[in-house]
C-alpha atoms as a PDB file:
ATOM      1  CA  MET A   1       9.301  -9.757  25.138  1.00  0.00           C
ATOM      2  CA  ALA A   2       6.350 -10.419  22.609  1.00  0.00           C
ATOM      3  CA  LEU A   3       5.600  -8.583  19.379  1.00  0.00           C
ATOM      4  CA  THR A   4       2.707  -6.326  19.619  1.00  0.00           C
ATOM      5  CA  LEU A   5       0.065  -4.463  17.432  1.00  0.00           C
ATOM      6  CA  GLY A   6       0.980  -0.965  17.988  1.00  0.00           C
ATOM      7  CA  PRO A   7       4.619  -1.037  16.591  1.00  0.00           C
ATOM      8  CA  LEU A   8       3.253  -2.910  13.271  1.00  0.00           C
ATOM      9  CA  LEU A   9       0.907   0.423  13.443  1.00  0.00           C
ATOM     10  CA  ILE A  10       3.774   2.786  13.553  1.00  0.00           C
ATOM     11  CA  ASP A  11       5.918   1.246  11.385  1.00  0.00           C
ATOM     12  CA  ALA A  12       3.405   1.391   9.063  1.00  0.00           C
ATOM     13  CA  GLY A  13       2.601   5.149   9.512  1.00  0.00           C
ATOM     14  CA  ILE A  14      -0.340   5.057  11.649  1.00  0.00           C
ATOM     15  CA  ASP A  15      -0.750   6.784  14.535  1.00  0.00           C
ATOM     16  CA  PRO A  16      -2.623   5.051  16.911  1.00  0.00           C
ATOM     17  CA  ALA A  17      -4.351   7.946  18.373  1.00  0.00           C
ATOM     18  CA  GLN A  18      -5.993   9.143  15.062  1.00  0.00           C
ATOM     19  CA  ALA A  19      -7.100   5.684  14.125  1.00  0.00           C
ATOM     20  CA  LEU A  20      -9.825   2.771  14.592  1.00  0.00           C
ATOM     21  CA  VAL A  21      -9.225  -0.915  14.995  1.00  0.00           C
ATOM     22  CA  ILE A  22     -12.356  -2.821  13.772  1.00  0.00           C
ATOM     23  CA  ARG A  23     -12.726  -6.704  13.837  1.00  0.00           C
ATOM     24  CA  HIS A  24     -15.617  -7.877  11.703  1.00  0.00           C
ATOM     25  CA  ALA A  25     -17.197 -11.169  12.426  1.00  0.00           C
ATOM     26  CA  PHE A  26     -19.420 -13.568  10.063  1.00  0.00           C
ATOM     27  CA  ALA A  27     -23.038 -13.078  11.094  1.00  0.00           C
ATOM     28  CA  GLN A  28     -26.532 -12.688   9.812  1.00  0.00           C
ATOM     29  CA  GLU A  29     -27.814  -8.886  10.625  1.00  0.00           C
ATOM     30  CA  SER A  30     -31.373  -8.598  11.863  1.00  0.00           C
ATOM     31  CA  GLN A  31     -33.809  -7.294   9.043  1.00  0.00           C
ATOM     32  CA  GLU A  32     -34.419  -3.841  11.633  1.00  0.00           C
ATOM     33  CA  SER A  33     -30.691  -3.382  11.938  1.00  0.00           C
ATOM     34  CA  GLY A  34     -30.352  -2.038   8.132  1.00  0.00           C
ATOM     35  CA  LEU A  35     -26.923  -3.798   7.810  1.00  0.00           C
ATOM     36  CA  ILE A  36     -26.102  -6.242   5.405  1.00  0.00           C
ATOM     37  CA  GLY A  37     -24.336  -9.307   7.432  1.00  0.00           C
ATOM     38  CA  LEU A  38     -20.568 -10.950   6.698  1.00  0.00           C
ATOM     39  CA  HIS A  39     -20.071 -15.341   6.182  1.00  0.00           C
ATOM     40  CA  ALA A  40     -17.023 -17.164   5.051  1.00  0.00           C
ATOM     41  CA  ASP A  41     -17.803 -16.673   1.158  1.00  0.00           C
ATOM     42  CA  SER A  42     -18.459 -13.031   1.537  1.00  0.00           C
ATOM     43  CA  THR A  43     -15.985 -10.941  -1.474  1.00  0.00           C
ATOM     44  CA  HIS A  44     -13.628  -8.311  -0.642  1.00  0.00           C
ATOM     45  CA  ALA A  45     -15.945  -5.819  -2.484  1.00  0.00           C
ATOM     46  CA  GLU A  46     -18.874  -7.081  -0.122  1.00  0.00           C
ATOM     47  CA  ILE A  47     -16.892  -6.737   3.182  1.00  0.00           C
ATOM     48  CA  LEU A  48     -15.623  -3.294   1.434  1.00  0.00           C
ATOM     49  CA  GLU A  49     -19.178  -2.197   1.527  1.00  0.00           C
ATOM     50  CA  TYR A  50     -20.200  -4.072   5.039  1.00  0.00           C
ATOM     51  CA  THR A  51     -17.422  -1.666   6.764  1.00  0.00           C
ATOM     52  CA  ALA A  52     -18.677   1.314   5.104  1.00  0.00           C
ATOM     53  CA  ARG A  53     -22.233   1.097   6.750  1.00  0.00           C
ATOM     54  CA  GLN A  54     -22.732   1.650  10.153  1.00  0.00           C
ATOM     55  CA  SER A  55     -25.036   2.568  12.663  1.00  0.00           C
ATOM     56  CA  THR A  56     -26.257   6.240  13.870  1.00  0.00           C
ATOM     57  CA  ASP A  57     -26.209   4.810  17.807  1.00  0.00           C
ATOM     58  CA  THR A  58     -23.304   6.719  18.817  1.00  0.00           C
ATOM     59  CA  ARG A  59     -22.747   3.654  21.518  1.00  0.00           C
ATOM     60  CA  ARG A  60     -22.605   1.268  18.590  1.00  0.00           C
ATOM     61  CA  PHE A  61     -19.674   3.377  16.099  1.00  0.00           C
ATOM     62  CA  PRO A  62     -17.946   6.847  16.741  1.00  0.00           C
ATOM     63  CA  ALA A  63     -20.110   9.946  16.117  1.00  0.00           C
ATOM     64  CA  THR A  64     -16.879  11.209  14.377  1.00  0.00           C
ATOM     65  CA  PRO A  65     -15.076   8.313  13.508  1.00  0.00           C
ATOM     66  CA  PRO A  66     -11.116   8.959  12.503  1.00  0.00           C
ATOM     67  CA  ALA A  67      -9.786   8.759   9.032  1.00  0.00           C
ATOM     68  CA  THR A  68      -8.112   5.443   9.168  1.00  0.00           C
ATOM     69  CA  TRP A  69     -10.158   2.340  10.020  1.00  0.00           C
ATOM     70  CA  VAL A  70      -7.425  -1.029  10.443  1.00  0.00           C
ATOM     71  CA  VAL A  71     -10.292  -3.465  10.033  1.00  0.00           C
ATOM     72  CA  PHE A  72      -9.624  -7.457  11.370  1.00  0.00           C
ATOM     73  CA  ILE A  73     -11.934 -10.580  10.735  1.00  0.00           C
ATOM     74  CA  ARG A  74     -13.205 -13.014  13.464  1.00  0.00           C
ATOM     75  CA  GLU A  75     -10.643 -16.031  13.395  1.00  0.00           C
ATOM     76  CA  GLY A  76     -12.086 -18.559  16.207  1.00  0.00           C
ATOM     77  CA  GLY A  77     -13.078 -16.910  19.659  1.00  0.00           C
ATOM     78  CA  ASP A  78      -9.967 -15.085  19.919  1.00  0.00           C
ATOM     79  CA  GLN A  79      -7.959 -14.468  17.048  1.00  0.00           C
ATOM     80  CA  ALA A  80      -8.540 -11.604  14.314  1.00  0.00           C
ATOM     81  CA  ARG A  81      -6.607 -11.822  10.640  1.00  0.00           C
ATOM     82  CA  LEU A  82      -5.875  -8.432   9.089  1.00  0.00           C
ATOM     83  CA  TRP A  83      -8.085  -7.995   6.052  1.00  0.00           C
ATOM     84  CA  ALA A  84      -7.177  -4.220   5.376  1.00  0.00           C
ATOM     85  CA  VAL A  85      -6.613  -0.778   6.347  1.00  0.00           C
ATOM     86  CA  VAL A  86      -8.848   1.708   4.899  1.00  0.00           C
ATOM     87  CA  GLU A  87      -9.300   5.538   4.789  1.00  0.00           C
ATOM     88  CA  ASN A  88     -12.509   7.127   6.037  1.00  0.00           C
ATOM     89  CA  ARG A  89     -13.690  10.304   3.305  1.00  0.00           C
ATOM     90  CA  GLY A  90     -16.433  10.944   5.530  1.00  0.00           C
ATOM     91  CA  GLU A  91     -20.494  10.192   5.683  1.00  0.00           C
ATOM     92  CA  VAL A  92     -22.091  10.487   2.210  1.00  0.00           C
ATOM     93  CA  VAL A  93     -25.324   9.192   3.626  1.00  0.00           C
ATOM     94  CA  ASN A  94     -27.787   8.790   6.858  1.00  0.00           C
ATOM     95  CA  ASN A  95     -30.868   7.762   6.274  1.00  0.00           C
ATOM     96  CA  GLY A  96     -31.508   7.602  10.116  1.00  0.00           C
ATOM     97  CA  ILE A  97     -30.615   4.028  11.115  1.00  0.00           C
ATOM     98  CA  ILE A  98     -27.529   3.866   9.250  1.00  0.00           C
ATOM     99  CA  ARG A  99     -24.665   6.035   7.968  1.00  0.00           C
ATOM    100  CA  THR A 100     -22.421   5.298   4.683  1.00  0.00           C
ATOM    101  CA  PHE A 101     -18.955   6.830   4.779  1.00  0.00           C
ATOM    102  CA  ASP A 102     -16.679   6.828   1.176  1.00  0.00           C
ATOM    103  CA  ILE A 103     -14.066   4.615   2.329  1.00  0.00           C
ATOM    104  CA  VAL A 104     -11.335   3.454   0.227  1.00  0.00           C
ATOM    105  CA  GLU A 105      -8.403   1.154   0.623  1.00  0.00           C
ATOM    106  CA  SER A 106      -5.433   2.645   1.909  1.00  0.00           C
ATOM    107  CA  GLU A 107      -1.409   0.674   1.215  1.00  0.00           C
ATOM    108  CA  HIS A 108      -1.097   0.999   4.923  1.00  0.00           C
ATOM    109  CA  MET A 109       0.253  -2.203   6.070  1.00  0.00           C
ATOM    110  CA  ALA A 110      -0.251  -4.181   2.470  1.00  0.00           C
ATOM    111  CA  ASP A 111       1.807  -6.441   3.014  1.00  0.00           C
ATOM    112  CA  LEU A 112       0.454  -7.810   6.074  1.00  0.00           C
ATOM    113  CA  ARG A 113      -3.061  -8.213   4.917  1.00  0.00           C
ATOM    114  CA  GLY A 114      -4.171 -11.683   5.249  1.00  0.00           C
ATOM    115  CA  ARG A 115      -1.198 -12.628   6.860  1.00  0.00           C
ATOM    116  CA  LEU A 116      -1.389 -10.500  10.502  1.00  0.00           C
ATOM    117  CA  VAL A 117      -2.786 -12.288  13.422  1.00  0.00           C
ATOM    118  CA  VAL A 118      -3.424 -11.169  16.929  1.00  0.00           C
ATOM    119  CA  GLY A 119      -5.163 -12.236  19.796  1.00  0.00           C
ATOM    120  CA  TRP A 120      -8.284 -10.341  20.557  1.00  0.00           C
ATOM    121  CA  ARG A 121      -8.783 -10.091  24.105  1.00  0.00           C
ATOM    122  CA  SER A 122     -12.215  -8.808  24.097  1.00  0.00           C
ATOM    123  CA  PRO A 123     -14.289 -11.121  22.611  1.00  0.00           C
ATOM    124  CA  ARG A 124     -17.621  -8.825  22.905  1.00  0.00           C
ATOM    125  CA  THR A 125     -15.942  -5.788  21.201  1.00  0.00           C
ATOM    126  CA  TRP A 126     -16.039  -5.615  17.802  1.00  0.00           C
ATOM    127  CA  LYS A 127     -14.281  -1.642  17.760  1.00  0.00           C
ATOM    128  CA  MET A 128     -12.209  -0.063  19.698  1.00  0.00           C
ATOM    129  CA  ASN A 129      -9.250   2.946  19.711  1.00  0.00           C
ATOM    130  CA  ALA A 130      -6.238   2.189  17.877  1.00  0.00           C
ATOM    131  CA  THR A 131      -4.522   3.220  20.947  1.00  0.00           C
ATOM    132  CA  THR A 132      -6.186   0.451  23.325  1.00  0.00           C
ATOM    133  CA  ALA A 133      -5.676  -2.412  20.083  1.00  0.00           C
ATOM    134  CA  ALA A 134      -1.823  -1.532  20.026  1.00  0.00           C
ATOM    135  CA  SER A 135      -1.817  -3.608  23.367  1.00  0.00           C
ATOM    136  CA  TYR A 136      -3.124  -6.992  21.495  1.00  0.00           C
ATOM    137  CA  SER A 137      -0.181  -9.366  21.065  1.00  0.00           C
ATOM    138  CA  VAL A 138       0.814 -10.949  17.887  1.00  0.00           C
ATOM    139  CA  VAL A 139      -0.146 -14.458  17.185  1.00  0.00           C
ATOM    140  CA  GLY A 140       1.380 -14.574  14.136  1.00  0.00           C
ATOM    141  CA  ILE A 141       2.521 -13.740  10.309  1.00  0.00           C
ATOM    142  CA  ALA A 142       2.297 -16.060   8.118  1.00  0.00           C
ATOM    143  CA  ASP A 143       4.859 -15.902   4.533  1.00  0.00           C
ATOM    144  CA  ALA A 144       3.129 -14.468   1.783  1.00  0.00           C
ATOM    145  CA  GLU A 145       2.632 -15.982  -1.258  1.00  0.00           C
ATOM    146  CA  PRO A 146       5.202 -15.238  -4.159  1.00  0.00           C
ATOM    147  CA  ILE A 147       4.032 -12.636  -6.618  1.00  0.00           C
ATOM    148  CA  PRO A 148       4.802 -13.456 -10.263  1.00  0.00           C
ATOM    149  CA  PHE A 149       6.937 -11.034 -12.025  1.00  0.00           C
ATOM    150  CA  PRO A 150       4.395  -9.918 -14.670  1.00  0.00           C
ATOM    151  CA  GLY A 151       7.593  -8.882 -17.706  1.00  0.00           C
ATOM    152  CA  PHE A 152       9.554  -5.552 -17.865  1.00  0.00           C
ATOM    153  CA  ASP A 153       7.069  -4.327 -20.698  1.00  0.00           C
ATOM    154  CA  ARG A 154       3.980  -4.515 -17.992  1.00  0.00           C
ATOM    155  CA  LEU A 155       5.966  -2.748 -15.043  1.00  0.00           C
ATOM    156  CA  VAL A 156       4.514  -0.228 -13.507  1.00  0.00           C
ATOM    157  CA  LEU A 157       4.458   0.733 -10.082  1.00  0.00           C
ATOM    158  CA  ASN A 158       3.544   3.450  -7.303  1.00  0.00           C
ATOM    159  CA  TYR A 159       5.722   4.486  -4.711  1.00  0.00           C
ATOM    160  CA  PRO A 160       4.810   2.308  -2.304  1.00  0.00           C
ATOM    161  CA  GLN A 161       4.865  -0.249  -4.345  1.00  0.00           C
ATOM    162  CA  LEU A 162       8.329   0.040  -5.141  1.00  0.00           C
ATOM    163  CA  GLN A 163       9.301   0.043  -1.318  1.00  0.00           C
ATOM    164  CA  ALA A 164       7.296  -3.419  -1.042  1.00  0.00           C
ATOM    165  CA  VAL A 165       8.586  -4.780  -4.298  1.00  0.00           C
ATOM    166  CA  MET A 166      12.670  -4.214  -2.873  1.00  0.00           C
ATOM    167  CA  ARG A 167      11.684  -5.216   0.145  1.00  0.00           C
ATOM    168  CA  GLU A 168       9.208  -8.448   0.925  1.00  0.00           C
ATOM    169  CA  HIS A 169       9.831 -11.617   0.371  1.00  0.00           C
ATOM    170  CA  ARG A 170       6.758 -12.574  -2.064  1.00  0.00           C
ATOM    171  CA  TYR A 171       8.755  -9.880  -4.692  1.00  0.00           C
ATOM    172  CA  ALA A 172      12.082 -12.029  -4.913  1.00  0.00           C
ATOM    173  CA  SER A 173      11.295 -13.298  -8.074  1.00  0.00           C
ATOM    174  CA  TRP A 174      10.801  -9.307  -9.366  1.00  0.00           C
ATOM    175  CA  ARG A 175      13.915  -8.424  -7.914  1.00  0.00           C
ATOM    176  CA  THR A 176      15.474 -11.173  -9.505  1.00  0.00           C
ATOM    177  CA  ALA A 177      15.017  -9.524 -12.659  1.00  0.00           C
ATOM    178  CA  LEU A 178      15.673  -6.303 -12.170  1.00  0.00           C
ATOM    179  CA  SER A 179      19.041  -7.482 -11.215  1.00  0.00           C
ATOM    180  CA  SER A 180      19.721  -8.903 -14.299  1.00  0.00           C
ATOM    181  CA  VAL A 181      18.983  -5.562 -17.051  1.00  0.00           C
ATOM    182  CA  PHE A 182      20.525  -1.903 -17.487  1.00  0.00           C
ATOM    183  CA  GLY A 183      18.669   0.606 -18.935  1.00  0.00           C
ATOM    184  CA  ILE A 184      16.395   3.236 -19.170  1.00  0.00           C
ATOM    185  CA  TYR A 185      13.269   4.160 -16.927  1.00  0.00           C
ATOM    186  CA  LEU A 186      10.181   6.629 -15.995  1.00  0.00           C
ATOM    187  CA  ILE A 187       9.555   8.570 -13.028  1.00  0.00           C
ATOM    188  CA  THR A 188       6.379  10.271 -13.884  1.00  0.00           C
ATOM    189  CA  ASP A 189       5.443  12.852 -11.018  1.00  0.00           C
ATOM    190  CA  THR A 190       1.471  12.625 -10.792  1.00  0.00           C
ATOM    191  CA  ARG A 191       0.315  15.685  -9.525  1.00  0.00           C
ATOM    192  CA  ASP A 192       1.410  17.407 -12.893  1.00  0.00           C
ATOM    193  CA  GLY A 193       2.667  14.578 -15.111  1.00  0.00           C
ATOM    194  CA  ARG A 194       6.097  15.623 -15.229  1.00  0.00           C
ATOM    195  CA  HIS A 195       8.929  13.212 -16.466  1.00  0.00           C
ATOM    196  CA  TYR A 196      12.306  12.101 -15.506  1.00  0.00           C
ATOM    197  CA  VAL A 197      14.066   9.849 -17.484  1.00  0.00           C
ATOM    198  CA  GLY A 198      16.562   7.957 -16.192  1.00  0.00           C
ATOM    199  CA  LYS A 199      19.319   5.370 -17.000  1.00  0.00           C
ATOM    200  CA  ALA A 200      20.948   2.514 -15.096  1.00  0.00           C
ATOM    201  CA  ASP A 201      24.250   1.538 -15.966  1.00  0.00           C
ATOM    202  CA  GLY A 202      27.503   0.417 -15.346  1.00  0.00           C
ATOM    203  CA  GLU A 203      28.014  -1.217 -11.806  1.00  0.00           C
ATOM    204  CA  GLU A 204      24.119  -0.165 -11.535  1.00  0.00           C
ATOM    205  CA  SER A 205      21.142  -2.761 -12.088  1.00  0.00           C
ATOM    206  CA  ILE A 206      17.876  -1.562 -12.084  1.00  0.00           C
ATOM    207  CA  ARG A 207      17.386  -3.372  -8.888  1.00  0.00           C
ATOM    208  CA  GLN A 208      20.262  -1.337  -7.582  1.00  0.00           C
ATOM    209  CA  ARG A 209      18.855   2.644  -9.031  1.00  0.00           C
ATOM    210  CA  TRP A 210      15.360   1.419  -7.666  1.00  0.00           C
ATOM    211  CA  HIS A 211      16.524   0.508  -4.469  1.00  0.00           C
ATOM    212  CA  ALA A 212      18.643   4.219  -4.000  1.00  0.00           C
ATOM    213  CA  TYR A 213      14.824   5.835  -4.891  1.00  0.00           C
ATOM    214  CA  ALA A 214      12.763   3.118  -2.360  1.00  0.00           C
ATOM    215  CA  THR A 215      14.852   3.968   0.218  1.00  0.00           C
ATOM    216  CA  ASN A 216      15.229   8.106   0.210  1.00  0.00           C
ATOM    217  CA  GLY A 217      12.816   9.236  -2.876  1.00  0.00           C
ATOM    218  CA  HIS A 218      15.305  10.735  -5.044  1.00  0.00           C
ATOM    219  CA  GLY A 219      18.418   8.496  -5.633  1.00  0.00           C
ATOM    220  CA  GLY A 220      20.705  11.471  -5.429  1.00  0.00           C
ATOM    221  CA  ASN A 221      19.114  13.386  -8.084  1.00  0.00           C
ATOM    222  CA  VAL A 222      18.888  17.021  -7.053  1.00  0.00           C
ATOM    223  CA  GLU A 223      15.808  18.133  -9.070  1.00  0.00           C
ATOM    224  CA  LEU A 224      14.132  15.138  -8.079  1.00  0.00           C
ATOM    225  CA  LYS A 225      14.980  16.247  -4.115  1.00  0.00           C
ATOM    226  CA  THR A 226      12.505  19.206  -4.612  1.00  0.00           C
ATOM    227  CA  VAL A 227       9.447  16.424  -5.145  1.00  0.00           C
ATOM    228  CA  ASP A 228       7.615  14.274  -2.790  1.00  0.00           C
ATOM    229  CA  PRO A 229       8.193  11.347  -3.859  1.00  0.00           C
ATOM    230  CA  ARG A 230       5.113   9.542  -2.715  1.00  0.00           C
ATOM    231  CA  SER A 231       3.498  10.681  -6.070  1.00  0.00           C
ATOM    232  CA  PHE A 232       5.749   9.147  -8.323  1.00  0.00           C
ATOM    233  CA  ARG A 233       5.133   6.297 -10.613  1.00  0.00           C
ATOM    234  CA  PHE A 234       7.928   3.944 -11.939  1.00  0.00           C
ATOM    235  CA  SER A 235       8.134   2.600 -15.540  1.00  0.00           C
ATOM    236  CA  LEU A 236      10.331   1.113 -17.947  1.00  0.00           C
ATOM    237  CA  LEU A 237      11.228   2.485 -21.109  1.00  0.00           C
ATOM    238  CA  ARG A 238      13.841   0.052 -22.129  1.00  0.00           C
ATOM    239  CA  VAL A 239      15.851  -2.415 -21.396  1.00  0.00           C
ATOM    240  CA  PHE A 240      19.399  -3.791 -21.926  1.00  0.00           C
ATOM    241  CA  ASP A 241      21.392  -6.960 -21.508  1.00  0.00           C
ATOM    242  CA  PRO A 242      24.981  -6.055 -19.344  1.00  0.00           C
ATOM    243  CA  SER A 243      26.937  -6.395 -22.298  1.00  0.00           C
ATOM    244  CA  THR A 244      25.309  -3.637 -23.966  1.00  0.00           C
ATOM    245  CA  PRO A 245      27.811  -0.727 -24.476  1.00  0.00           C
ATOM    246  CA  LYS A 246      27.626   2.072 -22.757  1.00  0.00           C
ATOM    247  CA  ALA A 247      27.529   4.633 -25.529  1.00  0.00           C
ATOM    248  CA  ASP A 248      23.920   2.597 -26.602  1.00  0.00           C
ATOM    249  CA  ILE A 249      22.499   2.979 -23.457  1.00  0.00           C
ATOM    250  CA  ASN A 250      23.371   6.832 -23.156  1.00  0.00           C
ATOM    251  CA  ALA A 251      21.895   6.978 -26.710  1.00  0.00           C
ATOM    252  CA  ALA A 252      19.006   5.365 -26.049  1.00  0.00           C
ATOM    253  CA  GLU A 253      18.134   7.993 -22.860  1.00  0.00           C
ATOM    254  CA  GLY A 254      19.177  10.768 -24.805  1.00  0.00           C
ATOM    255  CA  HIS A 255      16.054   9.706 -27.258  1.00  0.00           C
ATOM    256  CA  PHE A 256      13.726   9.130 -24.368  1.00  0.00           C
ATOM    257  CA  LYS A 257      14.320  12.920 -23.279  1.00  0.00           C
ATOM    258  CA  VAL A 258      13.753  14.457 -25.903  1.00  0.00           C
ATOM    259  CA  ALA A 259      10.549  12.010 -27.391  1.00  0.00           C
ATOM    260  CA  LEU A 260       9.255  12.804 -23.557  1.00  0.00           C
ATOM    261  CA  ASP A 261      10.369  16.230 -23.506  1.00  0.00           C
ATOM    262  CA  SER A 262      12.393  15.519 -19.921  1.00  0.00           C
ATOM    263  CA  VAL A 263      14.415  18.731 -19.674  1.00  0.00           C
ATOM    264  CA  ARG A 264      12.334  21.462 -20.575  1.00  0.00           C
ATOM    265  CA  HIS A 265       9.219  20.395 -19.660  1.00  0.00           C
ATOM    266  CA  GLY A 266       9.795  17.508 -17.141  1.00  0.00           C
ATOM    267  CA  LEU A 267      11.917  16.465 -14.206  1.00  0.00           C
ATOM    268  CA  ASN A 268      15.520  16.277 -15.482  1.00  0.00           C
ATOM    269  CA  ARG A 269      18.286  18.834 -15.523  1.00  0.00           C
ATOM    270  CA  ASN A 270      20.659  17.775 -18.813  1.00  0.00           C
END
């Protein structure tokens, strides 16, 4: 059975009934339309701006578009490559000809940007409800380009990024690096600034410990079970060679708990 777009949307947490699928084509818009055109050298920012500006004609664009737009770029006559998923935060300008929306890029399907190609059965149709596009066949998913590991002292990840690092092929070198060290890590709840100081030692590397968080959001920590992990930010405070005595790692953990006050005013229980 051929793979279609629908399961990929659902796997990414996108409800097809609450999403719009758009396919841009490289074309020069007429001056009367008030729209900018797109070409092969259009920058990422130009494509985002182009997506944000839509006609006031409700025959061309929905009067009340949904919050999620899955945006493709035309490739050949009957294919389209995923550009990005954007979040529509609402209309901000309407001059009677053009409506401008406040849109921001979403992490939804970030691992498939530029890689996912679908067959586009309706060449004259440039936008549709995702429930219709869900049946479109997946033509291919290109291999992801490896992303270089930034270094332990530069590593800062939000929760979707952590999940991507733990599962995607392009982050293989990151997993190798994180498997090679023990250490002290920091989880920050970005909603209120509270900290959790944790450690990886003994039989668990940083990779193993963080894999648990990527899987269930709390890694077995009682206090973290009460917090939505989508607001978490992960970073490393100090890394150790696996031969480091456990007492040294414990001392470092204790120091950072005091320095960051993560017991009295944070997420550590002790």
